Amino acid sequence: SKFLLHMINDILDMSQIKEKKLRLAFQCGDLKDTLRNTAQLVELQAKKKGIELILEIDPDIPKKFSTDHVRLSQIVLNLLNNAIKFTQEGVIKLLATSIDNNCVKISVQDSGIGMTQENIQKLFTSFTHIEFKGREGVNPHGVGLGLTIAHNLAGMLGPKGNNKIQVESYLNKGSIFSFII
C-alpha cells in the first residue's frame, strides 16, 4: 500500500508540474537541518549495504534560508536513494556549498556504477528505466518518475534560468548529481 501511495503521489506531482499547477511553499528555515534530517532517512539503508554516508555542509551557508524545504527534501531523498541503489560499496556524499548569500549548490556524489553519456541523456525522461549491463532489474518497483520530478522541482527552486539537475558520471567510477537553490 505504501508503494502504491508513493506511485500515486508521483503521478499527481507530475500532472501538477506538467499543468504548471504545482504550488511551492517557500519559507525561511534551517537549510542545514533540512539536509541533516533528509540524510538520516536513508542512513540505515546505506549502513545495511556497508556504504558510508557523509554529509558536508559549508559553514558559510546562512542559518535561515528561504526555499520549499519539503520539496527540497524530496529532491535530495530521491538522489540519495538512487545513489544507494546504484552503489555497491564505498561512499555517498551529500554536499552543500554556499555560492553567495542567495544561492546554495547541493550535490550528491557516489562511488557507484556510473553511466554513459547516452544514459545520462535519458535520465530525466518520464517513465524511463535505464538498464545497466549486469544490473538488469535493479529497480523493478520504480515507475521512472522520481528523477523527472526531482529535475523539475530543482528548476522551480533554483534561480531563474537554472538548468535544473546537472549530472557528471563515469562508468564504474560513480556519479555526481547537483543543482542550485
N, C-alpha and C. Protein backbone atom coordinates (compact mmCIF):
# COMPACT_ATOMS: atom_id res chain seq x y z
N SER A 1 0.83 -1.20 0.00
CA SER A 1 0.00 0.00 0.00
C SER A 1 0.87 1.26 0.00
N LYS A 2 2.03 1.21 0.72
CA LYS A 2 2.92 2.37 0.73
C LYS A 2 3.49 2.61 -0.66
N PHE A 3 3.84 1.51 -1.36
CA PHE A 3 4.37 1.64 -2.71
C PHE A 3 3.34 2.26 -3.64
N LEU A 4 2.09 1.78 -3.57
CA LEU A 4 1.04 2.32 -4.43
C LEU A 4 0.77 3.79 -4.12
N LEU A 5 0.77 4.14 -2.85
CA LEU A 5 0.59 5.54 -2.46
C LEU A 5 1.72 6.40 -3.02
N HIS A 6 2.95 5.90 -2.95
CA HIS A 6 4.09 6.63 -3.49
C HIS A 6 3.93 6.83 -5.01
N MET A 7 3.50 5.79 -5.71
CA MET A 7 3.29 5.91 -7.17
C MET A 7 2.21 6.93 -7.49
N ILE A 8 1.12 6.89 -6.75
CA ILE A 8 0.02 7.84 -6.98
C ILE A 8 0.50 9.26 -6.73
N ASN A 9 1.25 9.47 -5.65
CA ASN A 9 1.78 10.81 -5.36
C ASN A 9 2.71 11.30 -6.46
N ASP A 10 3.57 10.40 -6.98
CA ASP A 10 4.46 10.77 -8.09
C ASP A 10 3.65 11.18 -9.32
N ILE A 11 2.64 10.42 -9.64
CA ILE A 11 1.82 10.74 -10.82
C ILE A 11 1.10 12.07 -10.62
N LEU A 12 0.59 12.30 -9.41
CA LEU A 12 -0.06 13.59 -9.13
C LEU A 12 0.94 14.74 -9.23
N ASP A 13 2.13 14.56 -8.68
CA ASP A 13 3.16 15.60 -8.79
C ASP A 13 3.47 15.89 -10.25
N MET A 14 3.67 14.84 -11.05
CA MET A 14 3.99 15.05 -12.47
C MET A 14 2.87 15.77 -13.19
N SER A 15 1.63 15.42 -12.88
CA SER A 15 0.48 16.08 -13.52
C SER A 15 0.44 17.55 -13.16
N GLN A 16 0.68 17.86 -11.89
CA GLN A 16 0.68 19.26 -11.47
C GLN A 16 1.84 20.03 -12.10
N ILE A 17 3.00 19.41 -12.20
CA ILE A 17 4.15 20.06 -12.82
C ILE A 17 3.86 20.32 -14.29
N LYS A 18 3.34 19.31 -14.98
CA LYS A 18 3.04 19.43 -16.41
C LYS A 18 2.02 20.55 -16.68
N GLU A 19 1.04 20.66 -15.81
CA GLU A 19 0.00 21.67 -15.97
C GLU A 19 0.38 23.02 -15.35
N LYS A 20 1.61 23.09 -14.81
CA LYS A 20 2.10 24.30 -14.15
C LYS A 20 1.18 24.72 -12.99
N LYS A 21 0.69 23.74 -12.26
CA LYS A 21 -0.22 23.98 -11.13
C LYS A 21 0.40 23.62 -9.79
N LEU A 22 1.63 23.14 -9.80
CA LEU A 22 2.27 22.76 -8.55
C LEU A 22 2.64 24.02 -7.78
N ARG A 23 2.18 24.12 -6.56
CA ARG A 23 2.47 25.29 -5.74
C ARG A 23 3.59 24.96 -4.78
N LEU A 24 4.54 25.86 -4.70
CA LEU A 24 5.65 25.72 -3.76
C LEU A 24 5.37 26.56 -2.53
N ALA A 25 5.82 26.08 -1.39
CA ALA A 25 5.63 26.80 -0.12
C ALA A 25 6.99 27.28 0.38
N PHE A 26 7.44 28.41 -0.16
CA PHE A 26 8.72 28.97 0.27
C PHE A 26 8.57 29.52 1.68
N GLN A 27 9.52 29.16 2.52
CA GLN A 27 9.56 29.72 3.87
C GLN A 27 10.99 29.69 4.38
N CYS A 28 11.26 30.58 5.31
CA CYS A 28 12.59 30.64 5.91
C CYS A 28 12.72 29.49 6.89
N GLY A 29 13.81 28.75 6.75
CA GLY A 29 14.04 27.63 7.65
C GLY A 29 15.53 27.31 7.68
N ASP A 30 15.89 26.38 8.53
CA ASP A 30 17.28 25.99 8.68
C ASP A 30 17.63 24.95 7.62
N LEU A 31 18.37 25.37 6.60
CA LEU A 31 18.74 24.50 5.49
C LEU A 31 19.59 23.33 5.97
N LYS A 32 20.47 23.59 6.91
CA LYS A 32 21.33 22.52 7.44
C LYS A 32 20.49 21.43 8.10
N ASP A 33 19.47 21.82 8.85
CA ASP A 33 18.59 20.84 9.48
C ASP A 33 17.82 20.04 8.43
N THR A 34 17.34 20.71 7.41
CA THR A 34 16.62 20.02 6.34
C THR A 34 17.50 18.95 5.71
N LEU A 35 18.75 19.29 5.42
CA LEU A 35 19.66 18.33 4.79
C LEU A 35 20.03 17.21 5.75
N ARG A 36 20.30 17.54 7.01
CA ARG A 36 20.62 16.50 8.02
C ARG A 36 19.46 15.53 8.19
N ASN A 37 18.26 16.06 8.32
CA ASN A 37 17.08 15.22 8.52
C ASN A 37 16.82 14.32 7.31
N THR A 38 17.04 14.85 6.13
CA THR A 38 16.84 14.06 4.91
C THR A 38 17.88 12.94 4.84
N ALA A 39 19.13 13.25 5.15
CA ALA A 39 20.18 12.23 5.13
C ALA A 39 19.89 11.13 6.15
N GLN A 40 19.33 11.49 7.29
CA GLN A 40 19.01 10.50 8.32
C GLN A 40 17.97 9.49 7.83
N LEU A 41 17.12 9.90 6.90
CA LEU A 41 16.08 9.00 6.40
C LEU A 41 16.67 7.80 5.64
N VAL A 42 17.86 7.96 5.07
CA VAL A 42 18.47 6.87 4.29
C VAL A 42 19.72 6.29 4.95
N GLU A 43 20.06 6.80 6.11
CA GLU A 43 21.28 6.38 6.78
C GLU A 43 21.31 4.87 7.06
N LEU A 44 20.22 4.32 7.56
CA LEU A 44 20.15 2.90 7.87
C LEU A 44 20.27 2.05 6.59
N GLN A 45 19.61 2.49 5.55
CA GLN A 45 19.67 1.79 4.26
C GLN A 45 21.12 1.74 3.75
N ALA A 46 21.84 2.83 3.87
CA ALA A 46 23.24 2.87 3.44
C ALA A 46 24.09 1.95 4.31
N LYS A 47 23.88 1.99 5.62
CA LYS A 47 24.65 1.14 6.54
C LYS A 47 24.44 -0.33 6.25
N LYS A 48 23.22 -0.71 5.92
CA LYS A 48 22.91 -2.12 5.61
C LYS A 48 23.72 -2.61 4.42
N LYS A 49 24.03 -1.72 3.49
CA LYS A 49 24.83 -2.09 2.31
C LYS A 49 26.32 -1.90 2.56
N GLY A 50 26.68 -1.38 3.73
CA GLY A 50 28.08 -1.13 4.03
C GLY A 50 28.63 0.11 3.35
N ILE A 51 27.75 1.03 3.02
CA ILE A 51 28.14 2.27 2.35
C ILE A 51 28.22 3.38 3.39
N GLU A 52 29.30 4.14 3.34
CA GLU A 52 29.45 5.28 4.24
C GLU A 52 28.71 6.48 3.66
N LEU A 53 27.84 7.08 4.46
CA LEU A 53 27.10 8.27 4.06
C LEU A 53 27.71 9.46 4.78
N ILE A 54 28.22 10.41 3.99
CA ILE A 54 28.90 11.59 4.54
C ILE A 54 28.10 12.84 4.20
N LEU A 55 27.92 13.69 5.17
CA LEU A 55 27.24 14.96 4.97
C LEU A 55 28.26 16.07 5.18
N GLU A 56 28.49 16.88 4.16
CA GLU A 56 29.42 18.00 4.24
C GLU A 56 28.66 19.29 3.93
N ILE A 57 28.52 20.13 4.95
CA ILE A 57 27.78 21.38 4.79
C ILE A 57 28.73 22.55 5.01
N ASP A 58 28.81 23.40 4.03
CA ASP A 58 29.64 24.60 4.09
C ASP A 58 29.20 25.46 5.28
N PRO A 59 30.13 25.84 6.16
CA PRO A 59 29.75 26.67 7.32
C PRO A 59 29.25 28.06 6.91
N ASP A 60 29.51 28.48 5.67
CA ASP A 60 29.07 29.80 5.21
C ASP A 60 27.60 29.83 4.77
N ILE A 61 26.94 28.68 4.77
CA ILE A 61 25.52 28.65 4.41
C ILE A 61 24.74 29.38 5.50
N PRO A 62 23.88 30.32 5.11
CA PRO A 62 23.12 31.06 6.12
C PRO A 62 22.25 30.12 6.97
N LYS A 63 22.10 30.46 8.24
CA LYS A 63 21.28 29.64 9.15
C LYS A 63 19.85 29.57 8.64
N LYS A 64 19.31 30.68 8.23
CA LYS A 64 17.95 30.72 7.71
C LYS A 64 18.02 30.88 6.19
N PHE A 65 17.28 30.02 5.49
CA PHE A 65 17.31 30.03 4.03
C PHE A 65 15.89 29.85 3.53
N SER A 66 15.48 30.72 2.58
CA SER A 66 14.13 30.66 2.05
C SER A 66 14.05 29.71 0.86
N THR A 67 13.30 28.63 1.03
CA THR A 67 13.04 27.66 -0.04
C THR A 67 11.83 26.84 0.38
N ASP A 68 11.39 25.94 -0.46
CA ASP A 68 10.36 24.98 -0.08
C ASP A 68 11.12 23.78 0.48
N HIS A 69 11.23 23.72 1.79
CA HIS A 69 12.06 22.70 2.45
C HIS A 69 11.52 21.29 2.23
N VAL A 70 10.20 21.14 2.10
CA VAL A 70 9.61 19.82 1.85
C VAL A 70 10.00 19.33 0.46
N ARG A 71 9.89 20.19 -0.53
CA ARG A 71 10.24 19.81 -1.91
C ARG A 71 11.75 19.63 -2.06
N LEU A 72 12.54 20.44 -1.36
CA LEU A 72 13.99 20.26 -1.38
C LEU A 72 14.34 18.88 -0.82
N SER A 73 13.72 18.53 0.28
CA SER A 73 13.95 17.21 0.87
C SER A 73 13.54 16.10 -0.10
N GLN A 74 12.47 16.29 -0.83
CA GLN A 74 12.01 15.31 -1.83
C GLN A 74 13.08 15.09 -2.91
N ILE A 75 13.69 16.17 -3.38
CA ILE A 75 14.74 16.07 -4.40
C ILE A 75 15.94 15.31 -3.84
N VAL A 76 16.42 15.75 -2.70
CA VAL A 76 17.62 15.16 -2.10
C VAL A 76 17.38 13.69 -1.75
N LEU A 77 16.22 13.38 -1.23
CA LEU A 77 15.89 12.00 -0.89
C LEU A 77 15.91 11.11 -2.13
N ASN A 78 15.37 11.61 -3.23
CA ASN A 78 15.40 10.84 -4.48
C ASN A 78 16.83 10.59 -4.93
N LEU A 79 17.66 11.63 -4.89
CA LEU A 79 19.05 11.48 -5.33
C LEU A 79 19.83 10.54 -4.41
N LEU A 80 19.60 10.64 -3.10
CA LEU A 80 20.29 9.74 -2.16
C LEU A 80 19.85 8.29 -2.34
N ASN A 81 18.54 8.08 -2.51
CA ASN A 81 18.04 6.71 -2.72
C ASN A 81 18.63 6.10 -3.99
N ASN A 82 18.71 6.89 -5.05
CA ASN A 82 19.31 6.38 -6.29
C ASN A 82 20.79 6.08 -6.10
N ALA A 83 21.48 6.94 -5.38
CA ALA A 83 22.91 6.71 -5.12
C ALA A 83 23.11 5.41 -4.36
N ILE A 84 22.28 5.16 -3.37
CA ILE A 84 22.38 3.92 -2.60
C ILE A 84 22.06 2.72 -3.49
N LYS A 85 21.05 2.85 -4.31
CA LYS A 85 20.63 1.76 -5.19
C LYS A 85 21.75 1.34 -6.14
N PHE A 86 22.50 2.31 -6.66
CA PHE A 86 23.49 2.02 -7.69
C PHE A 86 24.93 2.01 -7.16
N THR A 87 25.08 1.98 -5.84
CA THR A 87 26.40 1.90 -5.22
C THR A 87 26.48 0.60 -4.42
N GLN A 88 27.45 -0.20 -4.73
CA GLN A 88 27.60 -1.48 -4.02
C GLN A 88 28.55 -1.37 -2.84
N GLU A 89 29.51 -0.48 -2.94
CA GLU A 89 30.46 -0.26 -1.84
C GLU A 89 31.04 1.13 -1.98
N GLY A 90 31.62 1.61 -0.91
CA GLY A 90 32.27 2.91 -0.96
C GLY A 90 31.53 3.98 -0.19
N VAL A 91 31.40 5.14 -0.83
CA VAL A 91 30.94 6.34 -0.13
C VAL A 91 29.89 7.06 -0.95
N ILE A 92 28.95 7.65 -0.23
CA ILE A 92 28.00 8.59 -0.82
C ILE A 92 28.12 9.87 -0.01
N LYS A 93 28.26 11.00 -0.71
CA LYS A 93 28.38 12.29 -0.03
C LYS A 93 27.21 13.19 -0.41
N LEU A 94 26.65 13.84 0.58
CA LEU A 94 25.70 14.91 0.38
C LEU A 94 26.43 16.19 0.72
N LEU A 95 26.61 17.05 -0.28
CA LEU A 95 27.38 18.28 -0.11
C LEU A 95 26.49 19.49 -0.31
N ALA A 96 26.70 20.50 0.51
CA ALA A 96 26.01 21.77 0.35
C ALA A 96 27.07 22.87 0.41
N THR A 97 27.17 23.64 -0.67
CA THR A 97 28.19 24.66 -0.79
C THR A 97 27.55 26.02 -1.05
N SER A 98 27.96 27.01 -0.27
CA SER A 98 27.45 28.36 -0.46
C SER A 98 28.07 28.97 -1.72
N ILE A 99 27.23 29.46 -2.60
CA ILE A 99 27.72 30.13 -3.80
C ILE A 99 27.81 31.63 -3.52
N ASP A 100 26.79 32.16 -2.89
CA ASP A 100 26.76 33.53 -2.40
C ASP A 100 25.68 33.58 -1.33
N ASN A 101 25.29 34.75 -0.86
CA ASN A 101 24.28 34.85 0.19
C ASN A 101 22.92 34.33 -0.24
N ASN A 102 22.67 34.26 -1.54
CA ASN A 102 21.35 33.89 -2.02
C ASN A 102 21.26 32.48 -2.60
N CYS A 103 22.38 31.85 -2.91
CA CYS A 103 22.35 30.55 -3.60
C CYS A 103 23.24 29.52 -2.92
N VAL A 104 22.76 28.28 -2.97
CA VAL A 104 23.50 27.14 -2.42
C VAL A 104 23.48 26.03 -3.46
N LYS A 105 24.65 25.41 -3.65
CA LYS A 105 24.74 24.26 -4.55
C LYS A 105 24.65 23.00 -3.71
N ILE A 106 23.70 22.13 -4.07
CA ILE A 106 23.51 20.85 -3.39
C ILE A 106 23.99 19.76 -4.35
N SER A 107 24.80 18.83 -3.84
CA SER A 107 25.32 17.74 -4.67
C SER A 107 25.21 16.42 -3.93
N VAL A 108 24.93 15.37 -4.69
CA VAL A 108 25.00 14.00 -4.19
C VAL A 108 26.02 13.29 -5.05
N GLN A 109 27.06 12.83 -4.41
CA GLN A 109 28.20 12.20 -5.10
C GLN A 109 28.30 10.76 -4.62
N ASP A 110 28.44 9.82 -5.56
CA ASP A 110 28.55 8.42 -5.16
C ASP A 110 29.73 7.75 -5.84
N SER A 111 30.11 6.59 -5.31
CA SER A 111 31.19 5.79 -5.89
C SER A 111 30.59 4.56 -6.57
N GLY A 112 29.40 4.73 -7.12
CA GLY A 112 28.65 3.62 -7.70
C GLY A 112 29.08 3.23 -9.10
N ILE A 113 28.14 2.63 -9.84
CA ILE A 113 28.45 2.03 -11.14
C ILE A 113 28.61 3.06 -12.25
N GLY A 114 28.15 4.28 -12.03
CA GLY A 114 28.28 5.31 -13.06
C GLY A 114 27.43 4.98 -14.28
N MET A 115 27.53 5.82 -15.31
CA MET A 115 26.75 5.59 -16.53
C MET A 115 27.40 6.30 -17.70
N THR A 116 26.96 5.91 -18.88
CA THR A 116 27.47 6.50 -20.11
C THR A 116 26.76 7.82 -20.40
N GLN A 117 27.31 8.61 -21.29
CA GLN A 117 26.68 9.86 -21.72
C GLN A 117 25.33 9.59 -22.36
N GLU A 118 25.23 8.48 -23.07
CA GLU A 118 23.96 8.10 -23.71
C GLU A 118 22.87 7.89 -22.65
N ASN A 119 23.22 7.24 -21.55
CA ASN A 119 22.25 7.03 -20.48
C ASN A 119 21.89 8.32 -19.77
N ILE A 120 22.86 9.21 -19.61
CA ILE A 120 22.59 10.50 -18.96
C ILE A 120 21.52 11.26 -19.74
N GLN A 121 21.55 11.16 -21.07
CA GLN A 121 20.57 11.86 -21.91
C GLN A 121 19.14 11.38 -21.64
N LYS A 122 18.98 10.15 -21.17
CA LYS A 122 17.66 9.55 -20.94
C LYS A 122 17.16 9.72 -19.50
N LEU A 123 18.01 10.17 -18.62
CA LEU A 123 17.71 10.16 -17.18
C LEU A 123 16.43 10.86 -16.78
N PHE A 124 16.15 11.99 -17.37
CA PHE A 124 15.04 12.81 -16.90
C PHE A 124 13.79 12.68 -17.77
N THR A 125 13.66 11.55 -18.46
CA THR A 125 12.50 11.28 -19.28
C THR A 125 11.50 10.46 -18.46
N SER A 126 10.26 10.92 -18.41
CA SER A 126 9.23 10.24 -17.63
C SER A 126 9.06 8.79 -18.05
N PHE A 127 8.82 7.94 -17.08
CA PHE A 127 8.53 6.52 -17.26
C PHE A 127 9.66 5.76 -17.97
N THR A 128 10.88 6.25 -17.81
CA THR A 128 12.02 5.60 -18.45
C THR A 128 12.89 4.93 -17.38
N HIS A 129 13.27 3.71 -17.67
CA HIS A 129 14.21 2.97 -16.83
C HIS A 129 15.47 2.78 -17.64
N ILE A 130 16.58 3.00 -17.01
CA ILE A 130 17.86 2.77 -17.68
C ILE A 130 18.40 1.44 -17.18
N GLU A 131 18.59 0.53 -18.10
CA GLU A 131 19.13 -0.78 -17.74
C GLU A 131 20.64 -0.74 -17.88
N PHE A 132 21.32 -1.29 -16.91
CA PHE A 132 22.77 -1.34 -16.93
C PHE A 132 23.20 -2.78 -17.11
N LYS A 133 24.16 -2.99 -17.96
CA LYS A 133 24.66 -4.33 -18.23
C LYS A 133 25.05 -5.02 -16.91
N GLY A 134 24.47 -6.18 -16.69
CA GLY A 134 24.75 -6.90 -15.46
C GLY A 134 23.92 -6.44 -14.28
N ARG A 135 23.09 -5.38 -14.46
CA ARG A 135 22.28 -4.84 -13.35
C ARG A 135 20.81 -4.75 -13.77
N GLU A 136 20.39 -5.59 -14.72
CA GLU A 136 19.01 -5.56 -15.17
C GLU A 136 18.09 -5.82 -13.98
N GLY A 137 16.98 -5.10 -13.96
CA GLY A 137 16.00 -5.30 -12.89
C GLY A 137 16.41 -4.76 -11.54
N VAL A 138 17.41 -3.87 -11.49
CA VAL A 138 17.86 -3.33 -10.21
C VAL A 138 16.77 -2.51 -9.52
N ASN A 139 15.82 -1.99 -10.30
CA ASN A 139 14.74 -1.20 -9.74
C ASN A 139 13.41 -1.69 -10.29
N PRO A 140 13.00 -2.91 -9.94
CA PRO A 140 11.80 -3.47 -10.53
C PRO A 140 10.51 -2.79 -10.09
N HIS A 141 10.54 -2.03 -8.98
CA HIS A 141 9.32 -1.42 -8.47
C HIS A 141 9.12 0.03 -8.87
N GLY A 142 10.14 0.67 -9.39
CA GLY A 142 10.02 2.08 -9.75
C GLY A 142 9.20 2.24 -11.02
N VAL A 143 8.63 3.42 -11.18
CA VAL A 143 7.86 3.69 -12.40
C VAL A 143 8.58 4.68 -13.31
N GLY A 144 9.75 5.15 -12.90
CA GLY A 144 10.52 6.05 -13.76
C GLY A 144 10.09 7.50 -13.69
N LEU A 145 9.60 7.93 -12.53
CA LEU A 145 9.19 9.33 -12.38
C LEU A 145 10.04 10.11 -11.39
N GLY A 146 10.72 9.45 -10.48
CA GLY A 146 11.43 10.13 -9.40
C GLY A 146 12.42 11.18 -9.88
N LEU A 147 13.31 10.81 -10.80
CA LEU A 147 14.30 11.78 -11.29
C LEU A 147 13.66 12.88 -12.12
N THR A 148 12.62 12.55 -12.86
CA THR A 148 11.93 13.57 -13.65
C THR A 148 11.31 14.61 -12.74
N ILE A 149 10.66 14.15 -11.68
CA ILE A 149 10.07 15.07 -10.71
C ILE A 149 11.16 15.90 -10.03
N ALA A 150 12.22 15.24 -9.57
CA ALA A 150 13.31 15.95 -8.90
C ALA A 150 13.92 17.00 -9.82
N HIS A 151 14.10 16.65 -11.08
CA HIS A 151 14.68 17.56 -12.07
C HIS A 151 13.82 18.82 -12.23
N ASN A 152 12.52 18.61 -12.34
CA ASN A 152 11.60 19.75 -12.49
C ASN A 152 11.52 20.58 -11.22
N LEU A 153 11.49 19.92 -10.06
CA LEU A 153 11.45 20.67 -8.80
C LEU A 153 12.71 21.50 -8.61
N ALA A 154 13.86 20.93 -8.98
CA ALA A 154 15.12 21.68 -8.86
C ALA A 154 15.07 22.94 -9.70
N GLY A 155 14.47 22.83 -10.88
CA GLY A 155 14.32 24.01 -11.73
C GLY A 155 13.41 25.06 -11.12
N MET A 156 12.38 24.59 -10.40
CA MET A 156 11.44 25.52 -9.77
C MET A 156 12.04 26.18 -8.53
N LEU A 157 12.90 25.47 -7.81
CA LEU A 157 13.50 26.01 -6.60
C LEU A 157 14.73 26.87 -6.88
N GLY A 158 15.32 26.67 -8.05
CA GLY A 158 16.57 27.36 -8.37
C GLY A 158 16.35 28.75 -8.92
N PRO A 159 17.46 29.46 -9.15
CA PRO A 159 17.37 30.80 -9.72
C PRO A 159 16.85 30.76 -11.15
N LYS A 160 16.32 31.86 -11.62
CA LYS A 160 15.81 31.94 -12.99
C LYS A 160 16.90 31.54 -13.97
N GLY A 161 16.52 30.80 -14.99
CA GLY A 161 17.49 30.35 -15.98
C GLY A 161 18.31 29.16 -15.52
N ASN A 162 17.93 28.58 -14.37
CA ASN A 162 18.64 27.44 -13.81
C ASN A 162 18.47 26.23 -14.74
N ASN A 163 19.52 25.47 -14.90
CA ASN A 163 19.49 24.30 -15.76
C ASN A 163 19.05 23.04 -15.03
N LYS A 164 18.37 23.18 -13.92
CA LYS A 164 17.86 22.06 -13.14
C LYS A 164 19.00 21.20 -12.62
N ILE A 165 18.88 19.88 -12.67
CA ILE A 165 19.91 19.00 -12.13
C ILE A 165 20.98 18.74 -13.18
N GLN A 166 22.21 18.91 -12.79
CA GLN A 166 23.36 18.64 -13.66
C GLN A 166 23.95 17.29 -13.25
N VAL A 167 24.45 16.53 -14.23
CA VAL A 167 24.99 15.20 -13.95
C VAL A 167 26.37 15.06 -14.55
N GLU A 168 27.28 14.55 -13.73
CA GLU A 168 28.59 14.10 -14.18
C GLU A 168 28.67 12.64 -13.80
N SER A 169 29.08 11.80 -14.73
CA SER A 169 29.16 10.38 -14.40
C SER A 169 30.24 9.70 -15.21
N TYR A 170 30.88 8.75 -14.58
CA TYR A 170 31.95 8.00 -15.22
C TYR A 170 31.70 6.52 -14.94
N LEU A 171 31.61 5.75 -16.00
CA LEU A 171 31.31 4.33 -15.89
C LEU A 171 32.26 3.64 -14.92
N ASN A 172 31.70 2.90 -14.01
CA ASN A 172 32.42 2.15 -12.97
C ASN A 172 33.17 3.04 -11.97
N LYS A 173 32.88 4.34 -11.96
CA LYS A 173 33.57 5.24 -11.03
C LYS A 173 32.60 6.09 -10.20
N GLY A 174 31.38 6.20 -10.63
CA GLY A 174 30.42 6.95 -9.85
C GLY A 174 29.80 8.13 -10.58
N SER A 175 28.95 8.83 -9.86
CA SER A 175 28.19 9.94 -10.42
C SER A 175 28.09 11.09 -9.43
N ILE A 176 27.88 12.28 -9.98
CA ILE A 176 27.60 13.47 -9.17
C ILE A 176 26.36 14.14 -9.76
N PHE A 177 25.34 14.28 -8.94
CA PHE A 177 24.12 14.99 -9.31
C PHE A 177 24.11 16.28 -8.51
N SER A 178 23.97 17.43 -9.16
CA SER A 178 23.99 18.69 -8.42
C SER A 178 22.96 19.67 -9.00
N PHE A 179 22.52 20.58 -8.13
CA PHE A 179 21.57 21.61 -8.52
C PHE A 179 21.75 22.80 -7.59
N ILE A 180 21.23 23.94 -8.02
CA ILE A 180 21.38 25.18 -7.26
C ILE A 180 20.01 25.64 -6.80
N ILE A 181 19.95 26.02 -5.52
CA ILE A 181 18.71 26.61 -4.98
C ILE A 181 19.02 28.01 -4.52
